[in-house]
C-alpha atoms as a PDB file:
ATOM      1  CA  MET A   1     123.362  78.512  84.339  1.00  0.00           C
ATOM      2  CA  GLU A   2     120.076  80.378  84.765  1.00  0.00           C
ATOM      3  CA  ASP A   3     118.889  79.381  81.287  1.00  0.00           C
ATOM      4  CA  SER A   4     119.879  75.787  81.995  1.00  0.00           C
ATOM      5  CA  GLY A   5     117.819  75.790  85.198  1.00  0.00           C
ATOM      6  CA  ARG A   6     114.759  77.154  83.419  1.00  0.00           C
ATOM      7  CA  ALA A   7     115.157  74.624  80.581  1.00  0.00           C
ATOM      8  CA  ALA A   8     115.436  71.712  83.039  1.00  0.00           C
ATOM      9  CA  THR A   9     112.330  72.967  84.811  1.00  0.00           C
ATOM     10  CA  ARG A  10     110.345  73.177  81.574  1.00  0.00           C
ATOM     11  CA  ARG A  11     111.368  69.628  80.656  1.00  0.00           C
ATOM     12  CA  VAL A  12     110.025  68.346  83.976  1.00  0.00           C
ATOM     13  CA  VAL A  13     106.792  70.331  83.604  1.00  0.00           C
ATOM     14  CA  GLU A  14     106.237  69.003  80.089  1.00  0.00           C
ATOM     15  CA  CYS A  15     106.989  65.432  81.179  1.00  0.00           C
ATOM     16  CA  VAL A  16     104.600  65.547  84.133  1.00  0.00           C
ATOM     17  CA  THR A  17     101.775  67.272  82.272  1.00  0.00           C
ATOM     18  CA  ALA A  18     102.085  64.888  79.317  1.00  0.00           C
ATOM     19  CA  ARG A  19     101.220  61.909  81.549  1.00  0.00           C
ATOM     20  CA  GLY A  20      97.592  62.933  81.754  1.00  0.00           C
ATOM     21  CA  GLY A  21      95.338  62.153  84.678  1.00  0.00           C
ATOM     22  CA  SER A  22      93.161  64.473  86.689  1.00  0.00           C
ATOM     23  CA  ALA A  23      94.208  68.096  86.942  1.00  0.00           C
ATOM     24  CA  LEU A  24      94.613  67.968  90.732  1.00  0.00           C
ATOM     25  CA  ASP A  25      96.673  64.769  90.530  1.00  0.00           C
ATOM     26  CA  THR A  26      98.861  66.408  87.900  1.00  0.00           C
ATOM     27  CA  VAL A  27      99.444  69.438  90.145  1.00  0.00           C
ATOM     28  CA  SER A  28     100.395  67.087  92.981  1.00  0.00           C
ATOM     29  CA  SER A  29     102.860  65.232  90.752  1.00  0.00           C
ATOM     30  CA  LEU A  30     104.256  68.495  89.449  1.00  0.00           C
ATOM     31  CA  VAL A  31     104.812  69.976  92.918  1.00  0.00           C
ATOM     32  CA  LEU A  32     106.729  66.881  94.015  1.00  0.00           C
ATOM     33  CA  ALA A  33     108.717  66.723  90.758  1.00  0.00           C
ATOM     34  CA  LEU A  34     109.698  70.368  91.206  1.00  0.00           C
ATOM     35  CA  GLY A  35     110.796  69.620  94.754  1.00  0.00           C
ATOM     36  CA  ARG A  36     113.012  66.755  93.566  1.00  0.00           C
ATOM     37  CA  LEU A  37     114.444  68.960  90.831  1.00  0.00           C
ATOM     38  CA  ILE A  38     115.206  71.776  93.257  1.00  0.00           C
ATOM     39  CA  GLU A  39     116.868  69.362  95.631  1.00  0.00           C
ATOM     40  CA  THR A  40     119.052  67.675  93.003  1.00  0.00           C
ATOM     41  CA  ASP A  41     119.814  70.264  90.307  1.00  0.00           C
ATOM     42  CA  ALA A  42     122.150  73.144  91.140  1.00  0.00           C
ATOM     43  CA  ALA A  43     121.203  75.045  87.970  1.00  0.00           C
ATOM     44  CA  VAL A  44     117.529  74.929  88.946  1.00  0.00           C
ATOM     45  CA  ARG A  45     118.330  76.136  92.471  1.00  0.00           C
ATOM     46  CA  ALA A  46     120.398  78.953  90.995  1.00  0.00           C
ATOM     47  CA  ALA A  47     117.654  80.012  88.574  1.00  0.00           C
ATOM     48  CA  ALA A  48     115.061  79.928  91.347  1.00  0.00           C
ATOM     49  CA  ARG A  49     117.265  81.820  93.768  1.00  0.00           C
ATOM     50  CA  LEU A  50     118.139  84.481  91.217  1.00  0.00           C
ATOM     51  CA  THR A  51     114.438  84.989  90.586  1.00  0.00           C
ATOM     52  CA  GLN A  52     113.910  85.534  94.308  1.00  0.00           C
ATOM     53  CA  GLU A  53     116.823  87.954  94.570  1.00  0.00           C
ATOM     54  CA  ARG A  54     116.488  89.904  91.292  1.00  0.00           C
ATOM     55  CA  VAL A  55     112.799  90.608  90.956  1.00  0.00           C
ATOM     56  CA  GLY A  56     112.043  92.041  87.529  1.00  0.00           C
ATOM     57  CA  ALA A  57     115.544  91.474  86.142  1.00  0.00           C
ATOM     58  CA  GLY A  58     114.749  89.026  83.376  1.00  0.00           C
ATOM     59  CA  PRO A  59     112.698  85.887  82.873  1.00  0.00           C
ATOM     60  CA  GLU A  60     111.550  84.499  86.177  1.00  0.00           C
ATOM     61  CA  TRP A  61     112.005  80.855  87.055  1.00  0.00           C
ATOM     62  CA  CYS A  62     108.426  80.712  88.371  1.00  0.00           C
ATOM     63  CA  GLY A  63     107.258  81.596  84.872  1.00  0.00           C
ATOM     64  CA  CYS A  64     108.509  78.167  83.770  1.00  0.00           C
ATOM     65  CA  TRP A  65     105.945  76.303  85.857  1.00  0.00           C
ATOM     66  CA  LEU A  66     103.492  78.487  87.781  1.00  0.00           C
ATOM     67  CA  PRO A  67     101.265  79.293  84.772  1.00  0.00           C
ATOM     68  CA  ASP A  68     100.849  75.543  84.238  1.00  0.00           C
ATOM     69  CA  VAL A  69      99.840  75.099  87.878  1.00  0.00           C
ATOM     70  CA  GLU A  70      97.359  77.959  87.570  1.00  0.00           C
ATOM     71  CA  GLU A  71      95.800  76.445  84.460  1.00  0.00           C
ATOM     72  CA  LEU A  72      95.585  73.001  86.057  1.00  0.00           C
ATOM     73  CA  LEU A  73      93.999  74.348  89.238  1.00  0.00           C
ATOM     74  CA  GLU A  74      91.438  76.308  87.221  1.00  0.00           C
ATOM     75  CA  GLN A  75      90.670  73.107  85.331  1.00  0.00           C
ATOM     76  CA  ALA A  76      90.393  71.198  88.619  1.00  0.00           C
ATOM     77  CA  ALA A  77      87.886  73.767  89.896  1.00  0.00           C
ATOM     78  CA  GLU A  78      85.837  73.593  86.694  1.00  0.00           C
ATOM     79  CA  GLU A  79      85.760  69.796  86.897  1.00  0.00           C
ATOM     80  CA  GLY A  80      84.678  69.770  90.553  1.00  0.00           C
ATOM     81  CA  GLN A  81      87.973  68.395  91.878  1.00  0.00           C
ATOM     82  CA  LEU A  82      88.349  71.294  94.331  1.00  0.00           C
ATOM     83  CA  HIS A  83      86.155  72.010  97.319  1.00  0.00           C
ATOM     84  CA  PRO A  84      83.486  74.509  96.176  1.00  0.00           C
ATOM     85  CA  GLU A  85      84.841  77.207  98.522  1.00  0.00           C
ATOM     86  CA  VAL A  86      88.390  76.958  97.149  1.00  0.00           C
ATOM     87  CA  ASP A  87      89.395  79.661  94.676  1.00  0.00           C
ATOM     88  CA  PRO A  88      92.162  78.383  92.374  1.00  0.00           C
ATOM     89  CA  ARG A  89      93.928  81.778  92.235  1.00  0.00           C
ATOM     90  CA  PRO A  90      95.002  81.923  95.903  1.00  0.00           C
ATOM     91  CA  LEU A  91      95.750  78.205  95.749  1.00  0.00           C
ATOM     92  CA  THR A  92      98.118  78.942  92.859  1.00  0.00           C
ATOM     93  CA  GLN A  93      99.784  81.631  94.982  1.00  0.00           C
ATOM     94  CA  LEU A  94     100.064  79.235  97.915  1.00  0.00           C
ATOM     95  CA  THR A  95     101.692  76.666  95.638  1.00  0.00           C
ATOM     96  CA  GLY A  96     104.175  79.299  94.469  1.00  0.00           C
ATOM     97  CA  HIS A  97     105.059  80.170  98.054  1.00  0.00           C
ATOM     98  CA  LEU A  98     105.375  76.505  98.978  1.00  0.00           C
ATOM     99  CA  VAL A  99     107.781  75.768  96.139  1.00  0.00           C
ATOM    100  CA  GLY A 100     109.666  78.990  96.893  1.00  0.00           C
ATOM    101  CA  GLY A 101     110.090  77.742 100.446  1.00  0.00           C
ATOM    102  CA  VAL A 102     111.533  74.513  99.090  1.00  0.00           C
ATOM    103  CA  VAL A 103     114.178  76.574  97.289  1.00  0.00           C
ATOM    104  CA  ALA A 104     115.162  78.259 100.549  1.00  0.00           C
ATOM    105  CA  ARG A 105     115.026  74.993 102.500  1.00  0.00           C
ATOM    106  CA  ALA A 106     117.165  73.116  99.957  1.00  0.00           C
ATOM    107  CA  ARG A 107     119.744  75.897 100.043  1.00  0.00           C
ATOM    108  CA  ARG A 108     120.002  75.695 103.852  1.00  0.00           C
ATOM    109  CA  ASP A 109     120.018  71.892 104.016  1.00  0.00           C
ATOM    110  CA  ARG A 110     122.542  70.866 101.376  1.00  0.00           C
ATOM    111  CA  GLU A 111     124.394  68.655 103.853  1.00  0.00           C
ATOM    112  CA  GLY A 112     121.187  66.984 105.079  1.00  0.00           C
ATOM    113  CA  ARG A 113     119.740  63.629 104.157  1.00  0.00           C
ATOM    114  CA  PRO A 114     119.006  63.206 100.442  1.00  0.00           C
ATOM    115  CA  GLY A 115     115.271  63.379  99.849  1.00  0.00           C
ATOM    116  CA  ALA A 116     114.490  65.058 103.179  1.00  0.00           C
ATOM    117  CA  VAL A 117     113.309  68.290 101.572  1.00  0.00           C
ATOM    118  CA  VAL A 118     111.077  66.433  99.122  1.00  0.00           C
ATOM    119  CA  GLY A 119     109.716  64.331 101.973  1.00  0.00           C
ATOM    120  CA  GLU A 120     108.743  67.470 103.872  1.00  0.00           C
ATOM    121  CA  LEU A 121     107.220  68.931 100.723  1.00  0.00           C
ATOM    122  CA  GLY A 122     105.162  65.781 100.220  1.00  0.00           C
ATOM    123  CA  GLU A 123     103.812  65.968 103.767  1.00  0.00           C
ATOM    124  CA  LEU A 124     102.907  69.649 103.396  1.00  0.00           C
ATOM    125  CA  TRP A 125     101.282  69.160 100.006  1.00  0.00           C
ATOM    126  CA  CYS A 126      99.271  66.239 101.385  1.00  0.00           C
ATOM    127  CA  LEU A 127      97.900  68.508 104.139  1.00  0.00           C
ATOM    128  CA  ILE A 128      97.020  71.199 101.623  1.00  0.00           C
ATOM    129  CA  ARG A 129      95.414  68.772  99.218  1.00  0.00           C
ATOM    130  CA  ARG A 130      93.224  67.259 101.927  1.00  0.00           C
ATOM    131  CA  ARG A 131      91.811  70.701 102.677  1.00  0.00           C
ATOM    132  CA  VAL A 132      91.281  71.886  99.097  1.00  0.00           C
ATOM    133  CA  ALA A 133      90.079  68.755  97.325  1.00  0.00           C
ATOM    134  CA  ALA A 134      86.386  68.138  96.865  1.00  0.00           C
ATOM    135  CA  ARG A 135      85.124  65.461  99.197  1.00  0.00           C
ATOM    136  CA  PRO A 136      83.797  62.299  97.624  1.00  0.00           C
ATOM    137  CA  GLU A 137      80.024  61.897  97.954  1.00  0.00           C
ATOM    138  CA  ALA A 138      80.482  59.230 100.662  1.00  0.00           C
ATOM    139  CA  GLU A 139      82.318  61.736 102.891  1.00  0.00           C
ATOM    140  CA  MET A 140      79.829  64.593 102.537  1.00  0.00           C
ATOM    141  CA  PRO A 141      78.067  65.552 105.771  1.00  0.00           C
ATOM    142  CA  LYS A 142      74.372  64.707 105.764  1.00  0.00           C
END
């Protein structure tokens, strides 16, 4: 089941990253796609949970997607998509913690409304993105 969860995760990562678009937009799409996957796929939840509970005991589920996020955020910084004061490394860590929280939240809320966890994730990511994204020229203080 763990291998199946990692494979499903990689398929989603490859699908989202293949679409193209800006690096920051791709990270946003990837975070939400991971949230949907966590909410709907028991094998993915199991792989993620086992990673949280058995640190260092085999391939980690985060290794299926977090390196891609790190690369995309570094690219976003290089291309000026991130606010100049935002370091992509801690932002990668924050993204890892956010998605890890989705795993815990989905596990606790299995009887809740479908899509509720992803909805919360979308709201949180929107807040984060507003604070880390470079401001368009028109919004820069003068």
